[in-house]
Amino acid sequence: MPKVFEQDGYKFSFYSNEHRPIHVHVRYGSGEAVFEIENEVELRQSHGLKVGELSKAQRLAEMNKDIIIQKWHEVFN
């Protein structure tokens, strides 16, 4: 699972067999969420995360959108 970055306990990564659209998996504690990144950062699915944790994960994804996209292209192109 290629790691993209980690901040404040939130771990952003890809699975090794990813597919488009560009998206990132975020783990925090025992929960996980998936955000699509290609256009706007948009929550696709989540389980085990509270609303505040999801909001923080989305803010971090938005702040690091360029890094996520760059890393996606490095890993999958």
PDB file of N, CA and C in Angstrom:
ATOM      1  N   MET A   1       0.855  -1.164   0.000  1.00  0.00           N
ATOM      2  CA  MET A   1       0.000   0.000   0.000  1.00  0.00           C
ATOM      3  C   MET A   1       0.904   1.232   0.000  1.00  0.00           C
ATOM      4  N   PRO A   2       1.049   1.907  -1.152  1.00  0.00           N
ATOM      5  CA  PRO A   2       1.905   3.097  -1.215  1.00  0.00           C
ATOM      6  C   PRO A   2       1.389   4.227  -0.316  1.00  0.00           C
ATOM      7  N   LYS A   3       2.258   4.698   0.558  1.00  0.00           N
ATOM      8  CA  LYS A   3       1.912   5.792   1.461  1.00  0.00           C
ATOM      9  C   LYS A   3       2.086   7.118   0.734  1.00  0.00           C
ATOM     10  N   VAL A   4       1.100   7.996   0.887  1.00  0.00           N
ATOM     11  CA  VAL A   4       1.172   9.327   0.272  1.00  0.00           C
ATOM     12  C   VAL A   4       1.740  10.311   1.292  1.00  0.00           C
ATOM     13  N   PHE A   5       1.093  10.411   2.451  1.00  0.00           N
ATOM     14  CA  PHE A   5       1.615  11.223   3.544  1.00  0.00           C
ATOM     15  C   PHE A   5       0.834  10.897   4.803  1.00  0.00           C
ATOM     16  N   GLU A   6       1.342  11.377   5.928  1.00  0.00           N
ATOM     17  CA  GLU A   6       0.685  11.205   7.220  1.00  0.00           C
ATOM     18  C   GLU A   6       0.737  12.528   7.961  1.00  0.00           C
ATOM     19  N   GLN A   7      -0.386  12.903   8.566  1.00  0.00           N
ATOM     20  CA  GLN A   7      -0.429  14.152   9.322  1.00  0.00           C
ATOM     21  C   GLN A   7      -1.471  14.028  10.432  1.00  0.00           C
ATOM     22  N   ASP A   8      -1.089  14.425  11.641  1.00  0.00           N
ATOM     23  CA  ASP A   8      -1.989  14.430  12.801  1.00  0.00           C
ATOM     24  C   ASP A   8      -2.671  13.085  13.022  1.00  0.00           C
ATOM     25  N   GLY A   9      -1.990  11.989  12.709  1.00  0.00           N
ATOM     26  CA  GLY A   9      -2.554  10.664  12.900  1.00  0.00           C
ATOM     27  C   GLY A   9      -3.379  10.155  11.725  1.00  0.00           C
ATOM     28  N   TYR A  10      -3.590  10.979  10.711  1.00  0.00           N
ATOM     29  CA  TYR A  10      -4.327  10.584   9.506  1.00  0.00           C
ATOM     30  C   TYR A  10      -3.317  10.050   8.498  1.00  0.00           C
ATOM     31  N   LYS A  11      -3.547   8.828   8.024  1.00  0.00           N
ATOM     32  CA  LYS A  11      -2.626   8.176   7.098  1.00  0.00           C
ATOM     33  C   LYS A  11      -3.286   8.095   5.721  1.00  0.00           C
ATOM     34  N   PHE A  12      -2.682   8.748   4.750  1.00  0.00           N
ATOM     35  CA  PHE A  12      -3.196   8.806   3.385  1.00  0.00           C
ATOM     36  C   PHE A  12      -2.392   7.839   2.531  1.00  0.00           C
ATOM     37  N   SER A  13      -3.090   6.962   1.803  1.00  0.00           N
ATOM     38  CA  SER A  13      -2.393   5.961   0.997  1.00  0.00           C
ATOM     39  C   SER A  13      -3.252   5.514  -0.181  1.00  0.00           C
ATOM     40  N   PHE A  14      -2.608   4.739  -1.050  1.00  0.00           N
ATOM     41  CA  PHE A  14      -3.272   4.093  -2.171  1.00  0.00           C
ATOM     42  C   PHE A  14      -3.136   2.586  -1.963  1.00  0.00           C
ATOM     43  N   TYR A  15      -4.012   1.818  -2.597  1.00  0.00           N
ATOM     44  CA  TYR A  15      -3.807   0.376  -2.701  1.00  0.00           C
ATOM     45  C   TYR A  15      -2.979   0.131  -3.951  1.00  0.00           C
ATOM     46  N   SER A  16      -2.325  -1.002  -4.027  1.00  0.00           N
ATOM     47  CA  SER A  16      -1.406  -1.247  -5.136  1.00  0.00           C
ATOM     48  C   SER A  16      -2.115  -1.497  -6.464  1.00  0.00           C
ATOM     49  N   ASN A  17      -3.409  -1.790  -6.445  1.00  0.00           N
ATOM     50  CA  ASN A  17      -4.136  -2.074  -7.679  1.00  0.00           C
ATOM     51  C   ASN A  17      -5.213  -1.024  -7.961  1.00  0.00           C
ATOM     52  N   GLU A  18      -4.903   0.230  -7.730  1.00  0.00           N
ATOM     53  CA  GLU A  18      -5.878   1.313  -7.869  1.00  0.00           C
ATOM     54  C   GLU A  18      -6.312   1.527  -9.317  1.00  0.00           C
ATOM     55  N   HIS A  19      -7.382   2.260  -9.464  1.00  0.00           N
ATOM     56  CA  HIS A  19      -7.992   2.578 -10.750  1.00  0.00           C
ATOM     57  C   HIS A  19      -8.515   4.004 -10.688  1.00  0.00           C
ATOM     58  N   ARG A  20      -8.771   4.591 -11.825  1.00  0.00           N
ATOM     59  CA  ARG A  20      -9.348   5.934 -11.868  1.00  0.00           C
ATOM     60  C   ARG A  20     -10.797   5.883 -11.431  1.00  0.00           C
ATOM     61  N   PRO A  21     -11.368   6.944 -10.966  1.00  0.00           N
ATOM     62  CA  PRO A  21     -10.792   8.278 -10.832  1.00  0.00           C
ATOM     63  C   PRO A  21      -9.749   8.316  -9.712  1.00  0.00           C
ATOM     64  N   ILE A  22      -8.902   9.340  -9.762  1.00  0.00           N
ATOM     65  CA  ILE A  22      -7.885   9.509  -8.727  1.00  0.00           C
ATOM     66  C   ILE A  22      -8.592   9.631  -7.380  1.00  0.00           C
ATOM     67  N   HIS A  23      -8.156   8.813  -6.437  1.00  0.00           N
ATOM     68  CA  HIS A  23      -8.742   8.838  -5.095  1.00  0.00           C
ATOM     69  C   HIS A  23      -7.677   8.420  -4.089  1.00  0.00           C
ATOM     70  N   VAL A  24      -7.960   8.691  -2.833  1.00  0.00           N
ATOM     71  CA  VAL A  24      -7.012   8.372  -1.768  1.00  0.00           C
ATOM     72  C   VAL A  24      -7.779   7.761  -0.600  1.00  0.00           C
ATOM     73  N   HIS A  25      -7.145   6.785   0.043  1.00  0.00           N
ATOM     74  CA  HIS A  25      -7.705   6.151   1.235  1.00  0.00           C
ATOM     75  C   HIS A  25      -7.097   6.839   2.452  1.00  0.00           C
ATOM     76  N   VAL A  26      -7.937   7.131   3.435  1.00  0.00           N
ATOM     77  CA  VAL A  26      -7.486   7.804   4.655  1.00  0.00           C
ATOM     78  C   VAL A  26      -7.858   6.933   5.845  1.00  0.00           C
ATOM     79  N   ARG A  27      -6.871   6.597   6.642  1.00  0.00           N
ATOM     80  CA  ARG A  27      -7.114   5.833   7.868  1.00  0.00           C
ATOM     81  C   ARG A  27      -6.852   6.732   9.073  1.00  0.00           C
ATOM     82  N   TYR A  28      -7.740   6.603  10.027  1.00  0.00           N
ATOM     83  CA  TYR A  28      -7.569   7.319  11.294  1.00  0.00           C
ATOM     84  C   TYR A  28      -8.165   6.423  12.372  1.00  0.00           C
ATOM     85  N   GLY A  29      -7.357   6.047  13.340  1.00  0.00           N
ATOM     86  CA  GLY A  29      -7.828   5.099  14.344  1.00  0.00           C
ATOM     87  C   GLY A  29      -8.246   3.814  13.649  1.00  0.00           C
ATOM     88  N   SER A  30      -9.444   3.333  13.961  1.00  0.00           N
ATOM     89  CA  SER A  30      -9.935   2.108  13.320  1.00  0.00           C
ATOM     90  C   SER A  30     -10.858   2.409  12.143  1.00  0.00           C
ATOM     91  N   GLY A  31     -10.989   3.682  11.767  1.00  0.00           N
ATOM     92  CA  GLY A  31     -11.863   4.063  10.662  1.00  0.00           C
ATOM     93  C   GLY A  31     -11.107   4.313   9.377  1.00  0.00           C
ATOM     94  N   GLU A  32     -11.870   4.366   8.288  1.00  0.00           N
ATOM     95  CA  GLU A  32     -11.278   4.633   6.977  1.00  0.00           C
ATOM     96  C   GLU A  32     -12.288   5.381   6.117  1.00  0.00           C
ATOM     97  N   ALA A  33     -11.763   6.233   5.259  1.00  0.00           N
ATOM     98  CA  ALA A  33     -12.588   6.953   4.290  1.00  0.00           C
ATOM     99  C   ALA A  33     -11.864   6.953   2.951  1.00  0.00           C
ATOM    100  N   VAL A  34     -12.635   7.158   1.895  1.00  0.00           N
ATOM    101  CA  VAL A  34     -12.071   7.273   0.554  1.00  0.00           C
ATOM    102  C   VAL A  34     -12.564   8.589  -0.031  1.00  0.00           C
ATOM    103  N   PHE A  35     -11.631   9.390  -0.510  1.00  0.00           N
ATOM    104  CA  PHE A  35     -11.956  10.666  -1.135  1.00  0.00           C
ATOM    105  C   PHE A  35     -11.533  10.650  -2.587  1.00  0.00           C
ATOM    106  N   GLU A  36     -12.451  11.034  -3.481  1.00  0.00           N
ATOM    107  CA  GLU A  36     -12.081  11.249  -4.870  1.00  0.00           C
ATOM    108  C   GLU A  36     -11.382  12.588  -4.949  1.00  0.00           C
ATOM    109  N   ILE A  37     -10.340  12.666  -5.758  1.00  0.00           N
ATOM    110  CA  ILE A  37      -9.469  13.840  -5.784  1.00  0.00           C
ATOM    111  C   ILE A  37      -9.443  14.489  -7.159  1.00  0.00           C
ATOM    112  N   GLU A  38      -9.839  13.778  -8.184  1.00  0.00           N
ATOM    113  CA  GLU A  38      -9.597  14.212  -9.561  1.00  0.00           C
ATOM    114  C   GLU A  38     -10.129  15.617  -9.856  1.00  0.00           C
ATOM    115  N   ASN A  39     -11.330  15.935  -9.430  1.00  0.00           N
ATOM    116  CA  ASN A  39     -11.866  17.293  -9.615  1.00  0.00           C
ATOM    117  C   ASN A  39     -11.893  17.982  -8.253  1.00  0.00           C
ATOM    118  N   GLU A  40     -13.030  18.014  -7.623  1.00  0.00           N
ATOM    119  CA  GLU A  40     -13.121  18.499  -6.244  1.00  0.00           C
ATOM    120  C   GLU A  40     -12.830  17.338  -5.305  1.00  0.00           C
ATOM    121  N   VAL A  41     -12.360  17.627  -4.114  1.00  0.00           N
ATOM    122  CA  VAL A  41     -12.168  16.584  -3.115  1.00  0.00           C
ATOM    123  C   VAL A  41     -13.551  16.233  -2.571  1.00  0.00           C
ATOM    124  N   GLU A  42     -13.950  14.986  -2.796  1.00  0.00           N
ATOM    125  CA  GLU A  42     -15.312  14.571  -2.461  1.00  0.00           C
ATOM    126  C   GLU A  42     -15.288  13.211  -1.776  1.00  0.00           C
ATOM    127  N   LEU A  43     -16.004  13.121  -0.677  1.00  0.00           N
ATOM    128  CA  LEU A  43     -16.100  11.869   0.058  1.00  0.00           C
ATOM    129  C   LEU A  43     -16.855  10.839  -0.779  1.00  0.00           C
ATOM    130  N   ARG A  44     -16.251   9.674  -0.969  1.00  0.00           N
ATOM    131  CA  ARG A  44     -16.907   8.589  -1.713  1.00  0.00           C
ATOM    132  C   ARG A  44     -17.518   7.568  -0.751  1.00  0.00           C
ATOM    133  N   GLN A  45     -16.788   7.242   0.305  1.00  0.00           N
ATOM    134  CA  GLN A  45     -17.306   6.295   1.296  1.00  0.00           C
ATOM    135  C   GLN A  45     -16.507   6.417   2.582  1.00  0.00           C
ATOM    136  N   SER A  46     -17.117   5.964   3.662  1.00  0.00           N
ATOM    137  CA  SER A  46     -16.402   5.952   4.936  1.00  0.00           C
ATOM    138  C   SER A  46     -17.049   4.950   5.876  1.00  0.00           C
ATOM    139  N   HIS A  47     -16.273   4.519   6.843  1.00  0.00           N
ATOM    140  CA  HIS A  47     -16.807   3.704   7.934  1.00  0.00           C
ATOM    141  C   HIS A  47     -15.914   3.888   9.147  1.00  0.00           C
ATOM    142  N   GLY A  48     -16.553   4.017  10.289  1.00  0.00           N
ATOM    143  CA  GLY A  48     -15.823   4.086  11.541  1.00  0.00           C
ATOM    144  C   GLY A  48     -15.239   5.442  11.895  1.00  0.00           C
ATOM    145  N   LEU A  49     -15.546   6.484  11.120  1.00  0.00           N
ATOM    146  CA  LEU A  49     -15.050   7.830  11.430  1.00  0.00           C
ATOM    147  C   LEU A  49     -16.212   8.727  11.837  1.00  0.00           C
ATOM    148  N   LYS A  50     -15.962   9.562  12.825  1.00  0.00           N
ATOM    149  CA  LYS A  50     -16.963  10.537  13.275  1.00  0.00           C
ATOM    150  C   LYS A  50     -16.985  11.712  12.309  1.00  0.00           C
ATOM    151  N   VAL A  51     -18.030  12.499  12.373  1.00  0.00           N
ATOM    152  CA  VAL A  51     -18.199  13.634  11.459  1.00  0.00           C
ATOM    153  C   VAL A  51     -17.007  14.584  11.530  1.00  0.00           C
ATOM    154  N   GLY A  52     -16.543  14.907  12.730  1.00  0.00           N
ATOM    155  CA  GLY A  52     -15.397  15.803  12.883  1.00  0.00           C
ATOM    156  C   GLY A  52     -14.121  15.224  12.300  1.00  0.00           C
ATOM    157  N   GLU A  53     -13.948  13.909  12.445  1.00  0.00           N
ATOM    158  CA  GLU A  53     -12.772  13.250  11.881  1.00  0.00           C
ATOM    159  C   GLU A  53     -12.825  13.262  10.351  1.00  0.00           C
ATOM    160  N   LEU A  54     -14.022  13.042   9.804  1.00  0.00           N
ATOM    161  CA  LEU A  54     -14.186  13.118   8.351  1.00  0.00           C
ATOM    162  C   LEU A  54     -13.897  14.516   7.832  1.00  0.00           C
ATOM    163  N   SER A  55     -14.378  15.524   8.549  1.00  0.00           N
ATOM    164  CA  SER A  55     -14.137  16.915   8.140  1.00  0.00           C
ATOM    165  C   SER A  55     -12.654  17.228   8.129  1.00  0.00           C
ATOM    166  N   LYS A  56     -11.945  16.787   9.164  1.00  0.00           N
ATOM    167  CA  LYS A  56     -10.500  17.034   9.212  1.00  0.00           C
ATOM    168  C   LYS A  56      -9.792  16.287   8.093  1.00  0.00           C
ATOM    169  N   ALA A  57     -10.182  15.041   7.837  1.00  0.00           N
ATOM    170  CA  ALA A  57      -9.574  14.265   6.753  1.00  0.00           C
ATOM    171  C   ALA A  57      -9.787  14.964   5.418  1.00  0.00           C
ATOM    172  N   GLN A  58     -10.978  15.487   5.201  1.00  0.00           N
ATOM    173  CA  GLN A  58     -11.253  16.181   3.940  1.00  0.00           C
ATOM    174  C   GLN A  58     -10.432  17.463   3.829  1.00  0.00           C
ATOM    175  N   ARG A  59     -10.317  18.212   4.916  1.00  0.00           N
ATOM    176  CA  ARG A  59      -9.485  19.430   4.894  1.00  0.00           C
ATOM    177  C   ARG A  59      -8.034  19.090   4.557  1.00  0.00           C
ATOM    178  N   LEU A  60      -7.508  18.036   5.171  1.00  0.00           N
ATOM    179  CA  LEU A  60      -6.131  17.625   4.895  1.00  0.00           C
ATOM    180  C   LEU A  60      -5.973  17.190   3.441  1.00  0.00           C
ATOM    181  N   ALA A  61      -6.958  16.475   2.918  1.00  0.00           N
ATOM    182  CA  ALA A  61      -6.909  16.065   1.507  1.00  0.00           C
ATOM    183  C   ALA A  61      -6.949  17.283   0.592  1.00  0.00           C
ATOM    184  N   GLU A  62      -7.781  18.259   0.918  1.00  0.00           N
ATOM    185  CA  GLU A  62      -7.866  19.484   0.103  1.00  0.00           C
ATOM    186  C   GLU A  62      -6.554  20.264   0.150  1.00  0.00           C
ATOM    187  N   MET A  63      -5.951  20.370   1.336  1.00  0.00           N
ATOM    188  CA  MET A  63      -4.687  21.097   1.487  1.00  0.00           C
ATOM    189  C   MET A  63      -3.540  20.416   0.746  1.00  0.00           C
ATOM    190  N   ASN A  64      -3.637  19.098   0.581  1.00  0.00           N
ATOM    191  CA  ASN A  64      -2.556  18.320  -0.018  1.00  0.00           C
ATOM    192  C   ASN A  64      -2.948  17.693  -1.351  1.00  0.00           C
ATOM    193  N   LYS A  65      -3.957  18.250  -1.989  1.00  0.00           N
ATOM    194  CA  LYS A  65      -4.478  17.704  -3.241  1.00  0.00           C
ATOM    195  C   LYS A  65      -3.388  17.570  -4.297  1.00  0.00           C
ATOM    196  N   ASP A  66      -2.568  18.579  -4.461  1.00  0.00           N
ATOM    197  CA  ASP A  66      -1.502  18.531  -5.476  1.00  0.00           C
ATOM    198  C   ASP A  66      -0.509  17.413  -5.190  1.00  0.00           C
ATOM    199  N   ILE A  67      -0.185  17.204  -3.934  1.00  0.00           N
ATOM    200  CA  ILE A  67       0.741  16.130  -3.546  1.00  0.00           C
ATOM    201  C   ILE A  67       0.114  14.768  -3.851  1.00  0.00           C
ATOM    202  N   ILE A  68      -1.171  14.611  -3.550  1.00  0.00           N
ATOM    203  CA  ILE A  68      -1.861  13.348  -3.800  1.00  0.00           C
ATOM    204  C   ILE A  68      -1.864  13.035  -5.295  1.00  0.00           C
ATOM    205  N   ILE A  69      -2.199  14.018  -6.117  1.00  0.00           N
ATOM    206  CA  ILE A  69      -2.237  13.824  -7.568  1.00  0.00           C
ATOM    207  C   ILE A  69      -0.845  13.511  -8.106  1.00  0.00           C
ATOM    208  N   GLN A  70       0.159  14.245  -7.648  1.00  0.00           N
ATOM    209  CA  GLN A  70       1.537  14.001  -8.088  1.00  0.00           C
ATOM    210  C   GLN A  70       1.973  12.580  -7.733  1.00  0.00           C
ATOM    211  N   LYS A  71       1.697  12.160  -6.507  1.00  0.00           N
ATOM    212  CA  LYS A  71       2.084  10.830  -6.055  1.00  0.00           C
ATOM    213  C   LYS A  71       1.339   9.749  -6.851  1.00  0.00           C
ATOM    214  N   TRP A  72       0.069   9.994  -7.163  1.00  0.00           N
ATOM    215  CA  TRP A  72      -0.721   9.050  -7.967  1.00  0.00           C
ATOM    216  C   TRP A  72      -0.017   8.800  -9.305  1.00  0.00           C
ATOM    217  N   HIS A  73       0.370   9.888  -9.962  1.00  0.00           N
ATOM    218  CA  HIS A  73       1.027   9.764 -11.271  1.00  0.00           C
ATOM    219  C   HIS A  73       2.389   9.079 -11.148  1.00  0.00           C
ATOM    220  N   GLU A  74       3.110   9.319 -10.059  1.00  0.00           N
ATOM    221  CA  GLU A  74       4.402   8.662  -9.851  1.00  0.00           C
ATOM    222  C   GLU A  74       4.221   7.154  -9.678  1.00  0.00           C
ATOM    223  N   VAL A  75       3.176   6.758  -8.965  1.00  0.00           N
ATOM    224  CA  VAL A  75       2.977   5.349  -8.641  1.00  0.00           C
ATOM    225  C   VAL A  75       2.302   4.580  -9.777  1.00  0.00           C
ATOM    226  N   PHE A  76       1.318   5.188 -10.443  1.00  0.00           N
ATOM    227  CA  PHE A  76       0.484   4.441 -11.386  1.00  0.00           C
ATOM    228  C   PHE A  76       0.724   4.745 -12.854  1.00  0.00           C
ATOM    229  N   ASN A  77       1.591   5.689 -13.190  1.00  0.00           N
ATOM    230  CA  ASN A  77       1.882   5.971 -14.609  1.00  0.00           C
ATOM    231  C   ASN A  77       3.268   5.512 -14.982  1.00  0.00           C
TER     232      ASN A  77
END
